[in-house]
């Protein structure tokens, strides 16, 4: 390989690297713009949350737990209190058991 071929290979590598770097700079600019827009969108819910938090009295009960956590707590309560497992334990005459679903 002579010097001219080596210089040509180096020029090609440089051109390729420069093109790639320009593409990355362009992508960075796009991402920076998108990030700025998203940060603007984030301020709206944050501001709304602060306003709502200021309107809600401090003694308000917290929001209920997730449904799965509530179900887990109910199952745990029944397993810890075996005498309350069935309606028949509370209502021996099952016809007197209150209905929970419409007829």
PDB file of N, CA and C in Angstrom:
ATOM      1  N   UNK A   1       0.849  -1.165   0.000  1.00  0.00           N
ATOM      2  CA  UNK A   1       0.000   0.000   0.000  1.00  0.00           C
ATOM      3  C   UNK A   1       0.898   1.233   0.000  1.00  0.00           C
ATOM      4  N   UNK A   2       0.590   2.153  -0.905  1.00  0.00           N
ATOM      5  CA  UNK A   2       1.414   3.353  -0.957  1.00  0.00           C
ATOM      6  C   UNK A   2       0.767   4.455  -0.116  1.00  0.00           C
ATOM      7  N   UNK A   3       1.480   5.550  -0.002  1.00  0.00           N
ATOM      8  CA  UNK A   3       1.047   6.669   0.845  1.00  0.00           C
ATOM      9  C   UNK A   3      -0.254   7.281   0.315  1.00  0.00           C
ATOM     10  N   UNK A   4      -0.420   7.378  -0.978  1.00  0.00           N
ATOM     11  CA  UNK A   4      -1.631   7.966  -1.561  1.00  0.00           C
ATOM     12  C   UNK A   4      -2.858   7.134  -1.187  1.00  0.00           C
ATOM     13  N   UNK A   5      -2.748   5.809  -1.243  1.00  0.00           N
ATOM     14  CA  UNK A   5      -3.873   4.951  -0.866  1.00  0.00           C
ATOM     15  C   UNK A   5      -4.201   5.101   0.619  1.00  0.00           C
ATOM     16  N   UNK A   6      -3.145   5.169   1.434  1.00  0.00           N
ATOM     17  CA  UNK A   6      -3.336   5.343   2.872  1.00  0.00           C
ATOM     18  C   UNK A   6      -4.036   6.657   3.173  1.00  0.00           C
ATOM     19  N   UNK A   7      -3.611   7.736   2.505  1.00  0.00           N
ATOM     20  CA  UNK A   7      -4.246   9.041   2.697  1.00  0.00           C
ATOM     21  C   UNK A   7      -5.703   9.013   2.237  1.00  0.00           C
ATOM     22  N   UNK A   8      -5.976   8.287   1.161  1.00  0.00           N
ATOM     23  CA  UNK A   8      -7.345   8.188   0.664  1.00  0.00           C
ATOM     24  C   UNK A   8      -8.227   7.447   1.680  1.00  0.00           C
ATOM     25  N   UNK A   9      -7.721   6.377   2.271  1.00  0.00           N
ATOM     26  CA  UNK A   9      -8.469   5.623   3.287  1.00  0.00           C
ATOM     27  C   UNK A   9      -8.724   6.493   4.512  1.00  0.00           C
ATOM     28  N   UNK A  10      -7.700   7.215   4.937  1.00  0.00           N
ATOM     29  CA  UNK A  10      -7.854   8.114   6.098  1.00  0.00           C
ATOM     30  C   UNK A  10      -8.879   9.209   5.819  1.00  0.00           C
ATOM     31  N   UNK A  11      -8.884   9.758   4.570  1.00  0.00           N
ATOM     32  CA  UNK A  11      -9.848  10.798   4.205  1.00  0.00           C
ATOM     33  C   UNK A  11     -11.264  10.228   4.244  1.00  0.00           C
ATOM     34  N   UNK A  12     -11.435   8.996   3.735  1.00  0.00           N
ATOM     35  CA  UNK A  12     -12.752   8.363   3.741  1.00  0.00           C
ATOM     36  C   UNK A  12     -13.238   8.128   5.179  1.00  0.00           C
ATOM     37  N   UNK A  13     -12.341   7.666   6.027  1.00  0.00           N
ATOM     38  CA  UNK A  13     -12.703   7.442   7.429  1.00  0.00           C
ATOM     39  C   UNK A  13     -13.071   8.762   8.106  1.00  0.00           C
ATOM     40  N   UNK A  14     -12.317   9.806   7.793  1.00  0.00           N
ATOM     41  CA  UNK A  14     -12.595  11.128   8.359  1.00  0.00           C
ATOM     42  C   UNK A  14     -13.952  11.633   7.879  1.00  0.00           C
ATOM     43  N   UNK A  15     -14.212  11.487   6.584  1.00  0.00           N
ATOM     44  CA  UNK A  15     -15.500  11.930   6.039  1.00  0.00           C
ATOM     45  C   UNK A  15     -16.665  11.171   6.687  1.00  0.00           C
ATOM     46  N   UNK A  16     -16.480   9.860   6.818  1.00  0.00           N
ATOM     47  CA  UNK A  16     -17.521   9.047   7.433  1.00  0.00           C
ATOM     48  C   UNK A  16     -17.753   9.478   8.891  1.00  0.00           C
ATOM     49  N   UNK A  17     -16.677   9.669   9.640  1.00  0.00           N
ATOM     50  CA  UNK A  17     -16.787  10.074  11.043  1.00  0.00           C
ATOM     51  C   UNK A  17     -17.417  11.461  11.152  1.00  0.00           C
ATOM     52  N   UNK A  18     -17.057  12.369  10.248  1.00  0.00           N
ATOM     53  CA  UNK A  18     -17.631  13.721  10.262  1.00  0.00           C
ATOM     54  C   UNK A  18     -19.125  13.689   9.972  1.00  0.00           C
ATOM     55  N   UNK A  19     -19.520  12.873   9.003  1.00  0.00           N
ATOM     56  CA  UNK A  19     -20.940  12.737   8.668  1.00  0.00           C
ATOM     57  C   UNK A  19     -21.709  12.163   9.850  1.00  0.00           C
ATOM     58  N   UNK A  20     -21.141  11.152  10.464  1.00  0.00           N
ATOM     59  CA  UNK A  20     -21.787  10.539  11.630  1.00  0.00           C
ATOM     60  C   UNK A  20     -21.889  11.545  12.778  1.00  0.00           C
ATOM     61  N   UNK A  21     -20.840  12.303  13.031  1.00  0.00           N
ATOM     62  CA  UNK A  21     -20.847  13.309  14.089  1.00  0.00           C
ATOM     63  C   UNK A  21     -21.901  14.378  13.809  1.00  0.00           C
ATOM     64  N   UNK A  22     -22.022  14.812  12.540  1.00  0.00           N
ATOM     65  CA  UNK A  22     -23.052  15.793  12.184  1.00  0.00           C
ATOM     66  C   UNK A  22     -24.451  15.237  12.453  1.00  0.00           C
ATOM     67  N   UNK A  23     -24.659  13.970  12.113  1.00  0.00           N
ATOM     68  CA  UNK A  23     -25.953  13.333  12.388  1.00  0.00           C
ATOM     69  C   UNK A  23     -26.249  13.267  13.873  1.00  0.00           C
ATOM     70  N   UNK A  24     -25.231  12.952  14.667  1.00  0.00           N
ATOM     71  CA  UNK A  24     -25.416  12.912  16.115  1.00  0.00           C
ATOM     72  C   UNK A  24     -25.709  14.300  16.677  1.00  0.00           C
ATOM     73  N   UNK A  25     -25.017  15.315  16.174  1.00  0.00           N
ATOM     74  CA  UNK A  25     -25.291  16.691  16.628  1.00  0.00           C
ATOM     75  C   UNK A  25     -26.730  17.093  16.302  1.00  0.00           C
ATOM     76  N   UNK A  26     -27.192  16.702  15.109  1.00  0.00           N
ATOM     77  CA  UNK A  26     -28.560  17.010  14.707  1.00  0.00           C
ATOM     78  C   UNK A  26     -29.553  16.283  15.631  1.00  0.00           C
ATOM     79  N   UNK A  27     -29.260  15.033  15.922  1.00  0.00           N
ATOM     80  CA  UNK A  27     -30.142  14.252  16.811  1.00  0.00           C
ATOM     81  C   UNK A  27     -30.145  14.838  18.220  1.00  0.00           C
ATOM     82  N   UNK A  28     -28.978  15.296  18.693  1.00  0.00           N
ATOM     83  CA  UNK A  28     -28.897  15.932  20.013  1.00  0.00           C
ATOM     84  C   UNK A  28     -29.766  17.184  20.044  1.00  0.00           C
ATOM     85  N   UNK A  29     -29.717  17.982  18.969  1.00  0.00           N
ATOM     86  CA  UNK A  29     -30.563  19.176  18.890  1.00  0.00           C
ATOM     87  C   UNK A  29     -32.046  18.805  18.941  1.00  0.00           C
ATOM     88  N   UNK A  30     -32.430  17.755  18.208  1.00  0.00           N
ATOM     89  CA  UNK A  30     -33.829  17.311  18.223  1.00  0.00           C
ATOM     90  C   UNK A  30     -34.242  16.854  19.613  1.00  0.00           C
ATOM     91  N   UNK A  31     -33.382  16.070  20.269  1.00  0.00           N
ATOM     92  CA  UNK A  31     -33.691  15.570  21.601  1.00  0.00           C
ATOM     93  C   UNK A  31     -33.743  16.697  22.635  1.00  0.00           C
ATOM     94  N   UNK A  32     -32.862  17.677  22.488  1.00  0.00           N
ATOM     95  CA  UNK A  32     -32.863  18.819  23.395  1.00  0.00           C
ATOM     96  C   UNK A  32     -34.167  19.593  23.263  1.00  0.00           C
ATOM     97  N   UNK A  33     -34.631  19.779  22.029  1.00  0.00           N
ATOM     98  CA  UNK A  33     -35.901  20.467  21.798  1.00  0.00           C
ATOM     99  C   UNK A  33     -37.055  19.665  22.390  1.00  0.00           C
ATOM    100  N   UNK A  34     -37.073  18.358  22.154  1.00  0.00           N
ATOM    101  CA  UNK A  34     -38.130  17.504  22.688  1.00  0.00           C
ATOM    102  C   UNK A  34     -38.124  17.495  24.217  1.00  0.00           C
ATOM    103  N   UNK A  35     -36.935  17.478  24.805  1.00  0.00           N
ATOM    104  CA  UNK A  35     -36.819  17.508  26.258  1.00  0.00           C
ATOM    105  C   UNK A  35     -37.367  18.810  26.813  1.00  0.00           C
ATOM    106  N   UNK A  36     -37.049  19.919  26.186  1.00  0.00           N
ATOM    107  CA  UNK A  36     -37.577  21.210  26.633  1.00  0.00           C
ATOM    108  C   UNK A  36     -39.096  21.256  26.576  1.00  0.00           C
ATOM    109  N   UNK A  37     -39.660  20.709  25.497  1.00  0.00           N
ATOM    110  CA  UNK A  37     -41.116  20.669  25.369  1.00  0.00           C
ATOM    111  C   UNK A  37     -41.737  19.790  26.450  1.00  0.00           C
ATOM    112  N   UNK A  38     -41.119  18.643  26.730  1.00  0.00           N
ATOM    113  CA  UNK A  38     -41.655  17.747  27.748  1.00  0.00           C
ATOM    114  C   UNK A  38     -41.557  18.376  29.126  1.00  0.00           C
ATOM    115  N   UNK A  39     -40.480  19.085  29.406  1.00  0.00           N
ATOM    116  CA  UNK A  39     -40.345  19.755  30.703  1.00  0.00           C
ATOM    117  C   UNK A  39     -41.424  20.820  30.872  1.00  0.00           C
ATOM    118  N   UNK A  40     -41.794  21.504  29.786  1.00  0.00           N
ATOM    119  CA  UNK A  40     -42.888  22.472  29.847  1.00  0.00           C
ATOM    120  C   UNK A  40     -44.195  21.756  30.187  1.00  0.00           C
ATOM    121  N   UNK A  41     -44.430  20.590  29.576  1.00  0.00           N
ATOM    122  CA  UNK A  41     -45.651  19.832  29.857  1.00  0.00           C
ATOM    123  C   UNK A  41     -45.675  19.331  31.301  1.00  0.00           C
ATOM    124  N   UNK A  42     -44.513  19.038  31.860  1.00  0.00           N
ATOM    125  CA  UNK A  42     -44.452  18.547  33.237  1.00  0.00           C
ATOM    126  C   UNK A  42     -44.801  19.632  34.248  1.00  0.00           C
ATOM    127  N   UNK A  43     -44.571  20.875  33.918  1.00  0.00           N
ATOM    128  CA  UNK A  43     -44.883  21.944  34.869  1.00  0.00           C
ATOM    129  C   UNK A  43     -46.384  22.085  35.072  1.00  0.00           C
ATOM    130  N   UNK A  44     -47.188  21.793  34.051  1.00  0.00           N
ATOM    131  CA  UNK A  44     -48.639  21.929  34.178  1.00  0.00           C
ATOM    132  C   UNK A  44     -49.209  20.979  35.230  1.00  0.00           C
ATOM    133  N   UNK A  45     -48.937  19.663  35.159  1.00  0.00           N
ATOM    134  CA  UNK A  45     -49.480  18.784  36.208  1.00  0.00           C
ATOM    135  C   UNK A  45     -48.897  19.086  37.587  1.00  0.00           C
ATOM    136  N   UNK A  46     -47.649  19.490  37.642  1.00  0.00           N
ATOM    137  CA  UNK A  46     -47.030  19.807  38.925  1.00  0.00           C
ATOM    138  C   UNK A  46     -47.731  20.995  39.553  1.00  0.00           C
ATOM    139  N   UNK A  47     -47.993  22.015  38.762  1.00  0.00           N
ATOM    140  CA  UNK A  47     -48.690  23.195  39.267  1.00  0.00           C
ATOM    141  C   UNK A  47     -50.102  22.832  39.696  1.00  0.00           C
ATOM    142  N   UNK A  48     -50.793  22.040  38.888  1.00  0.00           N
ATOM    143  CA  UNK A  48     -52.156  21.623  39.229  1.00  0.00           C
ATOM    144  C   UNK A  48     -52.160  20.831  40.529  1.00  0.00           C
ATOM    145  N   UNK A  49     -51.209  19.912  40.681  1.00  0.00           N
ATOM    146  CA  UNK A  49     -51.136  19.116  41.899  1.00  0.00           C
ATOM    147  C   UNK A  49     -50.930  20.006  43.117  1.00  0.00           C
ATOM    148  N   UNK A  50     -50.066  21.003  43.021  1.00  0.00           N
ATOM    149  CA  UNK A  50     -49.814  21.913  44.137  1.00  0.00           C
ATOM    150  C   UNK A  50     -51.086  22.683  44.494  1.00  0.00           C
ATOM    151  N   UNK A  51     -51.823  23.117  43.484  1.00  0.00           N
ATOM    152  CA  UNK A  51     -53.062  23.860  43.735  1.00  0.00           C
ATOM    153  C   UNK A  51     -54.087  22.962  44.425  1.00  0.00           C
ATOM    154  N   UNK A  52     -54.250  21.742  43.907  1.00  0.00           N
ATOM    155  CA  UNK A  52     -55.220  20.814  44.495  1.00  0.00           C
ATOM    156  C   UNK A  52     -54.806  20.451  45.916  1.00  0.00           C
ATOM    157  N   UNK A  53     -53.529  20.203  46.143  1.00  0.00           N
ATOM    158  CA  UNK A  53     -53.056  19.894  47.489  1.00  0.00           C
ATOM    159  C   UNK A  53     -53.358  21.039  48.449  1.00  0.00           C
ATOM    160  N   UNK A  54     -53.278  22.261  47.960  1.00  0.00           N
ATOM    161  CA  UNK A  54     -53.582  23.410  48.795  1.00  0.00           C
ATOM    162  C   UNK A  54     -55.065  23.544  49.090  1.00  0.00           C
ATOM    163  N   UNK A  55     -55.911  23.029  48.226  1.00  0.00           N
ATOM    164  CA  UNK A  55     -57.361  23.121  48.414  1.00  0.00           C
ATOM    165  C   UNK A  55     -57.912  22.025  49.310  1.00  0.00           C
ATOM    166  N   UNK A  56     -57.240  20.877  49.346  1.00  0.00           N
ATOM    167  CA  UNK A  56     -57.714  19.733  50.120  1.00  0.00           C
ATOM    168  C   UNK A  56     -57.286  19.923  51.569  1.00  0.00           C
ATOM    169  N   UNK A  57     -58.246  19.844  52.509  1.00  0.00           N
ATOM    170  CA  UNK A  57     -57.875  19.981  53.925  1.00  0.00           C
ATOM    171  C   UNK A  57     -56.919  18.874  54.357  1.00  0.00           C
ATOM    172  N   UNK A  58     -56.068  19.183  55.294  1.00  0.00           N
ATOM    173  CA  UNK A  58     -55.048  18.229  55.743  1.00  0.00           C
ATOM    174  C   UNK A  58     -55.663  17.012  56.413  1.00  0.00           C
ATOM    175  N   UNK A  59     -56.836  17.147  57.044  1.00  0.00           N
ATOM    176  CA  UNK A  59     -57.423  16.014  57.758  1.00  0.00           C
ATOM    177  C   UNK A  59     -58.204  15.069  56.850  1.00  0.00           C
ATOM    178  N   UNK A  60     -58.187  15.315  55.560  1.00  0.00           N
ATOM    179  CA  UNK A  60     -58.878  14.435  54.621  1.00  0.00           C
ATOM    180  C   UNK A  60     -58.233  13.058  54.642  1.00  0.00           C
ATOM    181  N   UNK A  61     -59.067  12.035  54.620  1.00  0.00           N
ATOM    182  CA  UNK A  61     -58.553  10.666  54.640  1.00  0.00           C
ATOM    183  C   UNK A  61     -57.729  10.401  53.383  1.00  0.00           C
ATOM    184  N   UNK A  62     -56.694   9.599  53.498  1.00  0.00           N
ATOM    185  CA  UNK A  62     -55.890   9.284  52.306  1.00  0.00           C
ATOM    186  C   UNK A  62     -56.708   8.468  51.305  1.00  0.00           C
ATOM    187  N   UNK A  63     -56.265   8.456  50.094  1.00  0.00           N
ATOM    188  CA  UNK A  63     -56.931   7.676  49.053  1.00  0.00           C
ATOM    189  C   UNK A  63     -56.844   6.193  49.399  1.00  0.00           C
ATOM    190  N   UNK A  64     -57.856   5.414  49.021  1.00  0.00           N
ATOM    191  CA  UNK A  64     -57.805   3.978  49.324  1.00  0.00           C
ATOM    192  C   UNK A  64     -56.651   3.299  48.607  1.00  0.00           C
ATOM    193  N   UNK A  65     -56.268   2.179  49.154  1.00  0.00           N
ATOM    194  CA  UNK A  65     -55.164   1.414  48.572  1.00  0.00           C
ATOM    195  C   UNK A  65     -55.594   0.828  47.240  1.00  0.00           C
ATOM    196  N   UNK A  66     -54.642   0.295  46.539  1.00  0.00           N
ATOM    197  CA  UNK A  66     -54.916  -0.376  45.270  1.00  0.00           C
ATOM    198  C   UNK A  66     -55.884  -1.522  45.517  1.00  0.00           C
ATOM    199  N   UNK A  67     -56.748  -1.855  44.543  1.00  0.00           N
ATOM    200  CA  UNK A  67     -57.692  -2.961  44.731  1.00  0.00           C
ATOM    201  C   UNK A  67     -57.021  -4.269  45.142  1.00  0.00           C
ATOM    202  N   UNK A  68     -55.869  -4.571  44.578  1.00  0.00           N
ATOM    203  CA  UNK A  68     -55.177  -5.811  44.934  1.00  0.00           C
ATOM    204  C   UNK A  68     -54.777  -5.798  46.406  1.00  0.00           C
ATOM    205  N   UNK A  69     -54.346  -4.650  46.911  1.00  0.00           N
ATOM    206  CA  UNK A  69     -53.951  -4.539  48.312  1.00  0.00           C
ATOM    207  C   UNK A  69     -55.172  -4.670  49.215  1.00  0.00           C
ATOM    208  N   UNK A  70     -56.300  -4.092  48.812  1.00  0.00           N
ATOM    209  CA  UNK A  70     -57.526  -4.210  49.594  1.00  0.00           C
ATOM    210  C   UNK A  70     -57.951  -5.672  49.653  1.00  0.00           C
ATOM    211  N   UNK A  71     -57.947  -6.356  48.518  1.00  0.00           N
ATOM    212  CA  UNK A  71     -58.308  -7.779  48.472  1.00  0.00           C
ATOM    213  C   UNK A  71     -57.387  -8.588  49.382  1.00  0.00           C
ATOM    214  N   UNK A  72     -56.094  -8.313  49.320  1.00  0.00           N
ATOM    215  CA  UNK A  72     -55.120  -9.023  50.151  1.00  0.00           C
ATOM    216  C   UNK A  72     -55.422  -8.788  51.628  1.00  0.00           C
ATOM    217  N   UNK A  73     -55.788  -7.544  51.992  1.00  0.00           N
ATOM    218  CA  UNK A  73     -56.105  -7.235  53.380  1.00  0.00           C
ATOM    219  C   UNK A  73     -57.367  -7.966  53.853  1.00  0.00           C
ATOM    220  N   UNK A  74     -58.363  -8.067  52.972  1.00  0.00           N
ATOM    221  CA  UNK A  74     -59.600  -8.786  53.319  1.00  0.00           C
ATOM    222  C   UNK A  74     -59.296 -10.265  53.536  1.00  0.00           C
ATOM    223  N   UNK A  75     -58.540 -10.868  52.624  1.00  0.00           N
ATOM    224  CA  UNK A  75     -58.186 -12.282  52.764  1.00  0.00           C
ATOM    225  C   UNK A  75     -57.393 -12.500  54.045  1.00  0.00           C
ATOM    226  N   UNK A  76     -56.485 -11.607  54.351  1.00  0.00           N
ATOM    227  CA  UNK A  76     -55.682 -11.718  55.569  1.00  0.00           C
ATOM    228  C   UNK A  76     -56.569 -11.612  56.807  1.00  0.00           C
ATOM    229  N   UNK A  77     -57.533 -10.685  56.791  1.00  0.00           N
ATOM    230  CA  UNK A  77     -58.430 -10.528  57.937  1.00  0.00           C
ATOM    231  C   UNK A  77     -59.245 -11.794  58.163  1.00  0.00           C
ATOM    232  N   UNK A  78     -59.743 -12.412  57.085  1.00  0.00           N
ATOM    233  CA  UNK A  78     -60.505 -13.644  57.233  1.00  0.00           C
ATOM    234  C   UNK A  78     -59.620 -14.790  57.720  1.00  0.00           C
ATOM    235  N   UNK A  79     -58.400 -14.848  57.260  1.00  0.00           N
ATOM    236  CA  UNK A  79     -57.529 -15.945  57.679  1.00  0.00           C
ATOM    237  C   UNK A  79     -57.095 -15.779  59.135  1.00  0.00           C
ATOM    238  N   UNK A  80     -57.012 -14.542  59.609  1.00  0.00           N
ATOM    239  CA  UNK A  80     -56.626 -14.298  61.002  1.00  0.00           C
ATOM    240  C   UNK A  80     -57.806 -14.458  61.957  1.00  0.00           C
ATOM    241  N   UNK A  81     -59.032 -14.406  61.450  1.00  0.00           N
ATOM    242  CA  UNK A  81     -60.238 -14.525  62.271  1.00  0.00           C
ATOM    243  C   UNK A  81     -61.112 -15.646  61.729  1.00  0.00           C
ATOM    244  N   UNK A  82     -60.772 -16.899  62.014  1.00  0.00           N
ATOM    245  CA  UNK A  82     -61.497 -18.020  61.416  1.00  0.00           C
ATOM    246  C   UNK A  82     -62.977 -18.055  61.802  1.00  0.00           C
ATOM    247  N   UNK A  83     -63.370 -17.520  62.955  1.00  0.00           N
ATOM    248  CA  UNK A  83     -64.765 -17.545  63.345  1.00  0.00           C
ATOM    249  C   UNK A  83     -65.617 -16.636  62.469  1.00  0.00           C
ATOM    250  N   UNK A  84     -65.043 -15.813  61.658  1.00  0.00           N
ATOM    251  CA  UNK A  84     -65.786 -14.896  60.789  1.00  0.00           C
ATOM    252  C   UNK A  84     -65.640 -15.275  59.313  1.00  0.00           C
ATOM    253  N   UNK A  85     -65.296 -16.509  59.025  1.00  0.00           N
ATOM    254  CA  UNK A  85     -65.060 -16.922  57.652  1.00  0.00           C
ATOM    255  C   UNK A  85     -66.317 -17.007  56.819  1.00  0.00           C
ATOM    256  N   UNK A  86     -67.425 -17.384  57.394  1.00  0.00           N
ATOM    257  CA  UNK A  86     -68.611 -17.570  56.572  1.00  0.00           C
ATOM    258  C   UNK A  86     -69.794 -16.841  57.173  1.00  0.00           C
ATOM    259  N   UNK A  87     -70.785 -16.595  56.332  1.00  0.00           N
ATOM    260  CA  UNK A  87     -72.001 -15.951  56.794  1.00  0.00           C
ATOM    261  C   UNK A  87     -72.739 -16.873  57.746  1.00  0.00           C
ATOM    262  N   UNK A  88     -72.593 -18.187  57.582  1.00  0.00           N
ATOM    263  CA  UNK A  88     -73.314 -19.118  58.448  1.00  0.00           C
ATOM    264  C   UNK A  88     -72.827 -19.034  59.888  1.00  0.00           C
ATOM    265  N   UNK A  89     -71.559 -18.601  60.088  1.00  0.00           N
ATOM    266  CA  UNK A  89     -71.074 -18.426  61.448  1.00  0.00           C
ATOM    267  C   UNK A  89     -71.752 -17.231  62.101  1.00  0.00           C
ATOM    268  N   UNK A  90     -72.018 -16.211  61.333  1.00  0.00           N
ATOM    269  CA  UNK A  90     -72.678 -15.021  61.857  1.00  0.00           C
ATOM    270  C   UNK A  90     -74.190 -15.169  61.803  1.00  0.00           C
ATOM    271  N   UNK A  91     -74.691 -15.779  60.754  1.00  0.00           N
ATOM    272  CA  UNK A  91     -76.125 -15.968  60.543  1.00  0.00           C
ATOM    273  C   UNK A  91     -76.407 -17.464  60.395  1.00  0.00           C
ATOM    274  N   UNK A  92     -76.668 -18.178  61.505  1.00  0.00           N
ATOM    275  CA  UNK A  92     -76.906 -19.619  61.408  1.00  0.00           C
ATOM    276  C   UNK A  92     -78.070 -19.961  60.483  1.00  0.00           C
ATOM    277  N   UNK A  93     -79.078 -19.130  60.468  1.00  0.00           N
ATOM    278  CA  UNK A  93     -80.192 -19.339  59.550  1.00  0.00           C
ATOM    279  C   UNK A  93     -79.856 -18.560  58.284  1.00  0.00           C
ATOM    280  N   UNK A  94     -79.325 -19.241  57.265  1.00  0.00           N
ATOM    281  CA  UNK A  94     -78.829 -18.546  56.081  1.00  0.00           C
ATOM    282  C   UNK A  94     -79.908 -17.785  55.342  1.00  0.00           C
ATOM    283  N   UNK A  95     -81.168 -18.121  55.560  1.00  0.00           N
ATOM    284  CA  UNK A  95     -82.224 -17.349  54.911  1.00  0.00           C
ATOM    285  C   UNK A  95     -82.293 -15.953  55.501  1.00  0.00           C
ATOM    286  N   UNK A  96     -81.735 -15.759  56.707  1.00  0.00           N
ATOM    287  CA  UNK A  96     -81.735 -14.435  57.325  1.00  0.00           C
ATOM    288  C   UNK A  96     -80.485 -13.632  56.961  1.00  0.00           C
ATOM    289  N   UNK A  97     -79.617 -14.257  56.206  1.00  0.00           N
ATOM    290  CA  UNK A  97     -78.371 -13.583  55.806  1.00  0.00           C
ATOM    291  C   UNK A  97     -78.700 -12.457  54.845  1.00  0.00           C
ATOM    292  N   UNK A  98     -78.182 -11.241  55.099  1.00  0.00           N
ATOM    293  CA  UNK A  98     -78.495 -10.139  54.184  1.00  0.00           C
ATOM    294  C   UNK A  98     -77.911 -10.381  52.803  1.00  0.00           C
ATOM    295  N   UNK A  99     -78.674  -9.996  51.778  1.00  0.00           N
ATOM    296  CA  UNK A  99     -78.219 -10.159  50.398  1.00  0.00           C
ATOM    297  C   UNK A  99     -77.290  -9.016  50.036  1.00  0.00           C
ATOM    298  N   UNK A 100     -76.249  -9.333  49.252  1.00  0.00           N
ATOM    299  CA  UNK A 100     -75.318  -8.297  48.791  1.00  0.00           C
ATOM    300  C   UNK A 100     -75.518  -8.007  47.314  1.00  0.00           C
ATOM    301  N   UNK A 101     -76.324  -8.845  46.646  1.00  0.00           N
ATOM    302  CA  UNK A 101     -76.589  -8.600  45.235  1.00  0.00           C
ATOM    303  C   UNK A 101     -78.082  -8.480  45.039  1.00  0.00           C
ATOM    304  N   UNK A 102     -78.525  -7.714  44.042  1.00  0.00           N
ATOM    305  CA  UNK A 102     -79.964  -7.580  43.821  1.00  0.00           C
ATOM    306  C   UNK A 102     -80.574  -8.913  43.398  1.00  0.00           C
ATOM    307  N   UNK A 103     -81.832  -9.111  43.745  1.00  0.00           N
ATOM    308  CA  UNK A 103     -82.548 -10.357  43.404  1.00  0.00           C
ATOM    309  C   UNK A 103     -82.886 -10.430  41.971  1.00  0.00           C
TER     310      UNK A 103
END
